[in-house]
N, C-alpha and C. Protein backbone atom coordinates (compact mmCIF):
# COMPACT_ATOMS: atom_id res chain seq x y z
N UNK A 1 0.88 -1.32 -0.30
CA UNK A 1 0.17 -0.02 0.03
C UNK A 1 0.87 1.86 0.23
N UNK A 2 1.48 0.91 -1.44
CA UNK A 2 2.06 2.67 -1.54
C UNK A 2 1.30 3.72 -2.07
N UNK A 3 0.81 3.31 -3.23
CA UNK A 3 0.05 4.25 -4.04
C UNK A 3 -0.30 5.07 -3.60
N UNK A 4 -0.90 6.71 -3.58
CA UNK A 4 -2.21 6.97 -2.48
C UNK A 4 -3.49 6.69 -2.72
N UNK A 5 -3.45 6.68 -4.24
CA UNK A 5 -4.38 6.55 -4.78
C UNK A 5 -5.57 4.80 -4.62
N UNK A 6 -4.28 3.78 -4.66
CA UNK A 6 -5.06 2.34 -4.01
C UNK A 6 -5.44 2.89 -2.42
N UNK A 7 -4.22 3.42 -1.78
CA UNK A 7 -4.72 4.12 -0.67
C UNK A 7 -5.63 4.64 -0.35
N UNK A 8 -6.33 5.54 -1.20
CA UNK A 8 -7.66 6.08 -0.72
C UNK A 8 -8.85 5.12 -1.64
N UNK A 9 -8.82 4.49 -2.22
CA UNK A 9 -9.37 2.99 -2.43
C UNK A 9 -10.03 2.44 -1.58
N UNK A 10 -8.98 1.61 -0.72
CA UNK A 10 -8.65 1.12 0.19
C UNK A 10 -9.29 1.56 1.79
N UNK A 11 -9.16 2.47 2.27
CA UNK A 11 -9.45 3.07 2.92
C UNK A 11 -10.78 3.88 2.75
N UNK A 12 -11.37 3.64 1.46
CA UNK A 12 -12.87 3.88 1.92
C UNK A 12 -13.56 2.49 1.18
N UNK A 13 -12.64 1.17 1.23
CA UNK A 13 -13.82 0.05 0.91
C UNK A 13 -14.15 -0.52 1.92
N UNK A 14 -14.89 -1.83 1.36
CA UNK A 14 -15.74 -2.67 2.62
C UNK A 14 -14.97 -3.35 3.98
N UNK A 15 -13.45 -4.21 3.61
CA UNK A 15 -13.09 -4.50 4.43
C UNK A 15 -12.37 -2.97 5.14
N UNK A 16 -12.99 -3.75 6.81
CA UNK A 16 -12.50 -2.84 8.31
C UNK A 16 -10.81 -2.63 7.91
N UNK A 17 -10.74 -3.53 8.11
CA UNK A 17 -8.96 -3.92 8.63
C UNK A 17 -8.04 -3.37 7.80
N UNK A 18 -7.98 -3.49 6.72
CA UNK A 18 -7.75 -2.91 5.71
C UNK A 18 -7.86 -1.56 5.28
N UNK A 19 -9.08 -0.94 5.56
CA UNK A 19 -9.48 0.47 5.47
C UNK A 19 -8.84 1.42 6.49
N UNK A 20 -8.96 0.60 8.15
CA UNK A 20 -7.90 1.27 8.89
C UNK A 20 -6.74 1.44 8.76
N UNK A 21 -6.41 0.40 8.30
CA UNK A 21 -4.57 0.76 7.52
C UNK A 21 -4.72 1.65 6.24
N UNK A 22 -5.04 1.83 5.39
CA UNK A 22 -4.99 3.01 4.81
C UNK A 22 -5.10 4.24 5.02
N UNK A 23 -5.97 4.34 6.33
CA UNK A 23 -6.28 5.86 6.44
C UNK A 23 -5.25 6.18 7.67
N UNK A 24 -4.45 4.50 8.14
CA UNK A 24 -3.44 5.45 9.35
C UNK A 24 -2.19 5.55 7.89
N UNK A 25 -1.89 4.96 7.04
CA UNK A 25 -1.05 5.65 5.84
C UNK A 25 -1.11 6.65 5.53
N UNK A 26 -2.16 6.99 5.17
CA UNK A 26 -2.71 8.44 4.31
C UNK A 26 -2.63 9.53 5.52
N UNK A 27 -2.32 9.11 6.89
CA UNK A 27 -2.61 10.60 7.83
C UNK A 27 -1.01 10.39 7.86
N UNK A 28 0.03 9.58 7.53
CA UNK A 28 1.47 9.51 8.31
C UNK A 28 1.73 10.13 6.74
N UNK A 29 1.01 10.32 5.71
CA UNK A 29 1.78 10.35 4.73
C UNK A 29 1.31 11.99 4.53
N UNK A 30 -0.13 12.28 5.24
CA UNK A 30 -0.41 14.35 5.17
C UNK A 30 0.56 14.21 5.87
N UNK A 31 0.48 14.53 7.69
CA UNK A 31 1.90 14.39 8.37
C UNK A 31 2.95 15.33 7.62
N UNK A 32 3.60 14.12 6.73
CA UNK A 32 5.08 14.43 6.19
C UNK A 32 4.41 15.14 5.50
N UNK A 33 4.15 15.34 4.65
CA UNK A 33 3.54 16.51 3.67
C UNK A 33 3.43 17.70 4.10
N UNK A 34 2.80 17.66 4.63
CA UNK A 34 2.24 18.85 6.18
C UNK A 34 3.71 19.47 6.53
N UNK A 35 4.82 18.73 6.96
CA UNK A 35 5.73 19.40 8.15
C UNK A 35 7.32 19.99 5.99
N UNK A 36 6.77 19.01 5.20
CA UNK A 36 8.13 19.63 4.25
C UNK A 36 7.20 20.54 3.95
N UNK A 37 6.21 20.85 3.91
CA UNK A 37 5.65 22.14 2.76
C UNK A 37 6.05 23.10 4.30
N UNK A 38 5.74 22.93 5.47
CA UNK A 38 5.90 23.55 6.89
C UNK A 38 7.45 24.08 6.94
N UNK A 39 8.24 23.31 6.21
CA UNK A 39 9.75 23.77 6.18
C UNK A 39 10.12 24.36 5.19
N UNK A 40 9.48 24.08 3.86
CA UNK A 40 9.88 24.45 2.81
C UNK A 40 9.11 26.10 2.83
N UNK A 41 8.49 26.68 3.22
CA UNK A 41 7.40 28.09 3.53
C UNK A 41 8.16 28.87 5.03
N UNK A 42 9.37 28.17 6.10
CA UNK A 42 9.66 28.37 6.99
C UNK A 42 11.50 29.14 6.34
N UNK A 43 11.79 28.47 5.07
CA UNK A 43 13.19 28.40 4.76
C UNK A 43 13.08 29.10 3.73
N UNK A 44 11.39 29.92 2.64
CA UNK A 44 11.03 30.89 2.18
C UNK A 44 10.54 32.53 3.39
N UNK A 45 11.28 31.95 3.95
CA UNK A 45 10.34 33.41 5.07
C UNK A 45 9.45 33.79 5.20
N UNK A 46 8.46 32.62 5.39
CA UNK A 46 6.73 32.72 5.89
C UNK A 46 6.85 32.65 7.26
N UNK A 47 5.97 33.31 7.72
CA UNK A 47 5.79 33.57 8.95
C UNK A 47 5.33 32.55 9.63
N UNK A 48 5.24 32.15 11.17
CA UNK A 48 4.25 31.72 11.09
C UNK A 48 2.59 31.54 11.28
N UNK A 49 2.02 33.42 11.11
CA UNK A 49 0.84 33.76 10.93
C UNK A 49 0.07 33.31 9.33
N UNK A 50 1.25 33.01 8.78
CA UNK A 50 0.94 32.98 6.87
C UNK A 50 1.04 31.43 6.98
N UNK A 51 1.68 30.75 7.23
CA UNK A 51 1.43 29.90 7.40
C UNK A 51 -0.03 28.55 8.15
N UNK A 52 -0.53 29.47 9.13
CA UNK A 52 -1.39 29.08 10.10
C UNK A 52 -2.66 29.08 9.33
N UNK A 53 -2.65 30.79 9.09
CA UNK A 53 -3.62 30.94 7.55
C UNK A 53 -4.27 29.95 6.90
N UNK A 54 -2.86 29.45 6.63
CA UNK A 54 -3.18 28.41 4.85
C UNK A 54 -3.39 27.04 5.62
N UNK A 55 -3.09 26.67 6.70
CA UNK A 55 -3.47 25.31 7.34
C UNK A 55 -4.90 25.99 8.08
N UNK A 56 -5.52 26.43 8.32
CA UNK A 56 -6.48 26.71 9.07
C UNK A 56 -6.18 26.27 10.52
N UNK A 57 -5.51 26.90 11.40
CA UNK A 57 -5.03 26.62 12.19
C UNK A 57 -4.71 27.89 13.27
N UNK A 58 -4.85 28.16 14.53
CA UNK A 58 -3.59 28.65 15.24
C UNK A 58 -2.26 29.20 15.33
N UNK A 59 -2.09 30.65 15.24
CA UNK A 59 -0.34 30.49 14.71
C UNK A 59 0.62 29.90 16.06
N UNK A 60 -0.70 29.82 17.26
CA UNK A 60 0.04 29.52 17.97
C UNK A 60 0.04 27.33 17.96
N UNK A 61 -0.86 27.17 17.54
CA UNK A 61 -0.75 25.57 17.13
C UNK A 61 0.33 25.14 16.13
N UNK A 62 -0.03 25.97 14.78
CA UNK A 62 1.00 25.49 14.04
C UNK A 62 3.28 25.54 14.31
N UNK A 63 2.94 26.64 15.76
CA UNK A 63 4.29 26.57 15.82
C UNK A 63 5.11 26.03 17.47
N UNK A 64 3.71 25.69 17.46
CA UNK A 64 3.94 24.44 18.90
C UNK A 64 4.33 23.70 17.84
N UNK A 65 3.32 22.89 16.81
CA UNK A 65 4.36 21.46 16.18
C UNK A 65 5.24 21.69 15.39
N UNK A 66 5.61 22.33 14.90
CA UNK A 66 6.78 22.65 14.59
C UNK A 66 7.97 23.29 14.77
N UNK A 67 7.79 24.18 15.16
CA UNK A 67 9.38 25.07 15.94
C UNK A 67 10.36 24.56 16.12
N UNK A 68 10.00 23.65 17.17
CA UNK A 68 11.31 22.88 17.63
C UNK A 68 11.78 21.17 16.62
N UNK A 69 11.15 21.46 15.54
CA UNK A 69 11.29 20.96 14.33
C UNK A 69 12.45 21.04 13.17
N UNK A 70 12.80 22.65 13.32
CA UNK A 70 12.55 22.97 11.73
C UNK A 70 13.78 24.60 12.70
N UNK A 71 14.66 24.70 11.65
CA UNK A 71 15.76 25.86 11.74
C UNK A 71 14.60 26.92 11.50
N UNK A 72 15.29 28.17 11.78
CA UNK A 72 15.04 29.17 11.63
C UNK A 72 15.39 30.40 10.16
N UNK A 73 14.35 30.59 9.48
CA UNK A 73 14.42 30.96 8.67
C UNK A 73 15.90 31.58 8.66
N UNK A 74 16.89 31.64 7.58
CA UNK A 74 18.31 32.28 7.43
C UNK A 74 19.29 31.72 8.06
N UNK A 75 18.88 30.57 8.83
CA UNK A 75 19.94 30.04 9.87
C UNK A 75 20.50 29.04 9.16
N UNK A 76 21.90 28.71 9.66
CA UNK A 76 22.69 27.88 8.12
C UNK A 76 22.59 26.46 8.23
N UNK A 77 21.39 26.36 9.12
CA UNK A 77 20.68 24.71 9.07
C UNK A 77 19.49 24.64 7.78
N UNK A 78 18.84 26.21 7.59
CA UNK A 78 18.13 25.99 6.59
C UNK A 78 17.90 25.50 5.05
């Protein structure tokens, strides 16, 4: 189960075990993609407020989730 389209099909299917496993895999994929895009946004100088607005969460929520995992914009690590 690696192809996203197959995961969506499986997640909405009648096999409950496979559906739950596919839903978990999709959640992990979404979390990975979101983290990558938050990192991209921060590296491009986006503020936490801008990122939060696009994700439709509070600034505090996005900052709390990602601030420790990402370098600051302009830092040598970014």
